[in-house]
Amino acid sequence: MAKDDRVTMKVDRALWSSVSALIKEHPEWGILSVPEFVRRAIDSEIRARKAAGNSTVIDLPLRSKSR
C-alpha cells in the first residue's frame, strides 16, 4: 500500500475564497503553485483586514426635533 502524502489544512472561508479565485485566475500555474496561491491569499487577506481596521465607525443618533 502506498504512503499517503496528502496534507490537510483548515482555513477560514475568506482565505479559501481568495485562494480559489487565484487558482481560477491562473490555471496555467498548476496545482504545484498552491503554496504561492496561499501566500498571496494570506497577504491579500491581511491587507483587507488592516484596511477594514483603519476605518472608524461613528455613532450619530439622528432624531427629529419635536416642537
C-alpha atoms as a PDB file:
ATOM      1  CA  MET A   1       0.000   0.000   0.000  1.00  0.00           C
ATOM      2  CA  ALA A   2       1.341   3.439  -0.961  1.00  0.00           C
ATOM      3  CA  LYS A   3       2.021   6.055   1.672  1.00  0.00           C
ATOM      4  CA  ASP A   4      -0.482   8.916   1.710  1.00  0.00           C
ATOM      5  CA  ASP A   5       1.491  12.169   1.479  1.00  0.00           C
ATOM      6  CA  ARG A   6      -1.522  14.462   1.472  1.00  0.00           C
ATOM      7  CA  VAL A   7      -1.710  17.303   3.969  1.00  0.00           C
ATOM      8  CA  THR A   8      -4.977  18.717   5.248  1.00  0.00           C
ATOM      9  CA  MET A   9      -5.108  22.348   6.266  1.00  0.00           C
ATOM     10  CA  LYS A  10      -8.049  24.215   7.767  1.00  0.00           C
ATOM     11  CA  VAL A  11      -8.505  27.767   6.518  1.00  0.00           C
ATOM     12  CA  ASP A  12     -11.294  30.241   7.056  1.00  0.00           C
ATOM     13  CA  ARG A  13     -13.787  30.857   4.256  1.00  0.00           C
ATOM     14  CA  ALA A  14     -12.416  34.278   3.305  1.00  0.00           C
ATOM     15  CA  LEU A  15      -8.932  32.854   2.784  1.00  0.00           C
ATOM     16  CA  TRP A  16     -10.247  29.872   0.811  1.00  0.00           C
ATOM     17  CA  SER A  17     -12.298  32.197  -1.395  1.00  0.00           C
ATOM     18  CA  SER A  18      -9.166  34.191  -2.113  1.00  0.00           C
ATOM     19  CA  VAL A  19      -7.117  31.051  -2.894  1.00  0.00           C
ATOM     20  CA  SER A  20      -9.889  29.690  -5.126  1.00  0.00           C
ATOM     21  CA  ALA A  21     -10.065  32.965  -7.031  1.00  0.00           C
ATOM     22  CA  LEU A  22      -6.304  32.889  -7.648  1.00  0.00           C
ATOM     23  CA  ILE A  23      -6.459  29.265  -8.852  1.00  0.00           C
ATOM     24  CA  LYS A  24      -9.283  30.146 -11.274  1.00  0.00           C
ATOM     25  CA  GLU A  25      -7.462  33.289 -12.439  1.00  0.00           C
ATOM     26  CA  HIS A  26      -4.155  31.471 -13.114  1.00  0.00           C
ATOM     27  CA  PRO A  27      -4.845  27.816 -14.032  1.00  0.00           C
ATOM     28  CA  GLU A  28      -1.623  27.780 -16.062  1.00  0.00           C
ATOM     29  CA  TRP A  29       0.392  27.862 -12.847  1.00  0.00           C
ATOM     30  CA  GLY A  30      -0.807  24.364 -11.958  1.00  0.00           C
ATOM     31  CA  ILE A  31      -1.593  22.666  -8.674  1.00  0.00           C
ATOM     32  CA  LEU A  32       2.043  22.807  -7.542  1.00  0.00           C
ATOM     33  CA  SER A  33       1.636  26.573  -7.194  1.00  0.00           C
ATOM     34  CA  VAL A  34      -0.885  26.224  -4.355  1.00  0.00           C
ATOM     35  CA  PRO A  35       1.700  27.357  -1.732  1.00  0.00           C
ATOM     36  CA  GLU A  36       2.148  30.544  -3.780  1.00  0.00           C
ATOM     37  CA  PHE A  37      -1.638  30.932  -4.032  1.00  0.00           C
ATOM     38  CA  VAL A  38      -1.915  30.567  -0.253  1.00  0.00           C
ATOM     39  CA  ARG A  39       0.881  33.081   0.360  1.00  0.00           C
ATOM     40  CA  ARG A  40      -0.760  35.622  -1.946  1.00  0.00           C
ATOM     41  CA  ALA A  41      -4.199  34.982  -0.452  1.00  0.00           C
ATOM     42  CA  ILE A  42      -2.887  35.429   3.089  1.00  0.00           C
ATOM     43  CA  ASP A  43      -1.182  38.666   2.045  1.00  0.00           C
ATOM     44  CA  SER A  44      -4.386  39.888   0.410  1.00  0.00           C
ATOM     45  CA  GLU A  45      -6.489  38.923   3.442  1.00  0.00           C
ATOM     46  CA  ILE A  46      -4.104  40.663   5.858  1.00  0.00           C
ATOM     47  CA  ARG A  47      -4.214  43.835   3.752  1.00  0.00           C
ATOM     48  CA  ALA A  48      -8.024  43.733   3.589  1.00  0.00           C
ATOM     49  CA  ARG A  49      -8.355  43.212   7.350  1.00  0.00           C
ATOM     50  CA  LYS A  50      -5.851  46.001   8.024  1.00  0.00           C
ATOM     51  CA  ALA A  51      -7.789  48.358   5.738  1.00  0.00           C
ATOM     52  CA  ALA A  52     -11.037  47.426   7.497  1.00  0.00           C
ATOM     53  CA  GLY A  53      -9.375  48.026  10.860  1.00  0.00           C
ATOM     54  CA  ASN A  54      -8.350  51.516   9.797  1.00  0.00           C
ATOM     55  CA  SER A  55     -11.952  52.587   9.311  1.00  0.00           C
ATOM     56  CA  THR A  56     -13.834  54.247  12.115  1.00  0.00           C
ATOM     57  CA  VAL A  57     -17.497  53.851  12.949  1.00  0.00           C
ATOM     58  CA  ILE A  58     -19.106  56.919  14.490  1.00  0.00           C
ATOM     59  CA  ASP A  59     -22.411  56.597  16.305  1.00  0.00           C
ATOM     60  CA  LEU A  60     -24.514  59.645  15.484  1.00  0.00           C
ATOM     61  CA  PRO A  61     -28.039  59.394  16.838  1.00  0.00           C
ATOM     62  CA  LEU A  62     -30.364  61.206  14.454  1.00  0.00           C
ATOM     63  CA  ARG A  63     -33.588  62.481  15.983  1.00  0.00           C
ATOM     64  CA  SER A  64     -36.131  64.890  14.653  1.00  0.00           C
ATOM     65  CA  LYS A  65     -36.804  67.974  16.732  1.00  0.00           C
ATOM     66  CA  SER A  66     -40.208  67.862  18.343  1.00  0.00           C
ATOM     67  CA  ARG A  67     -41.942  71.140  18.979  1.00  0.00           C
END
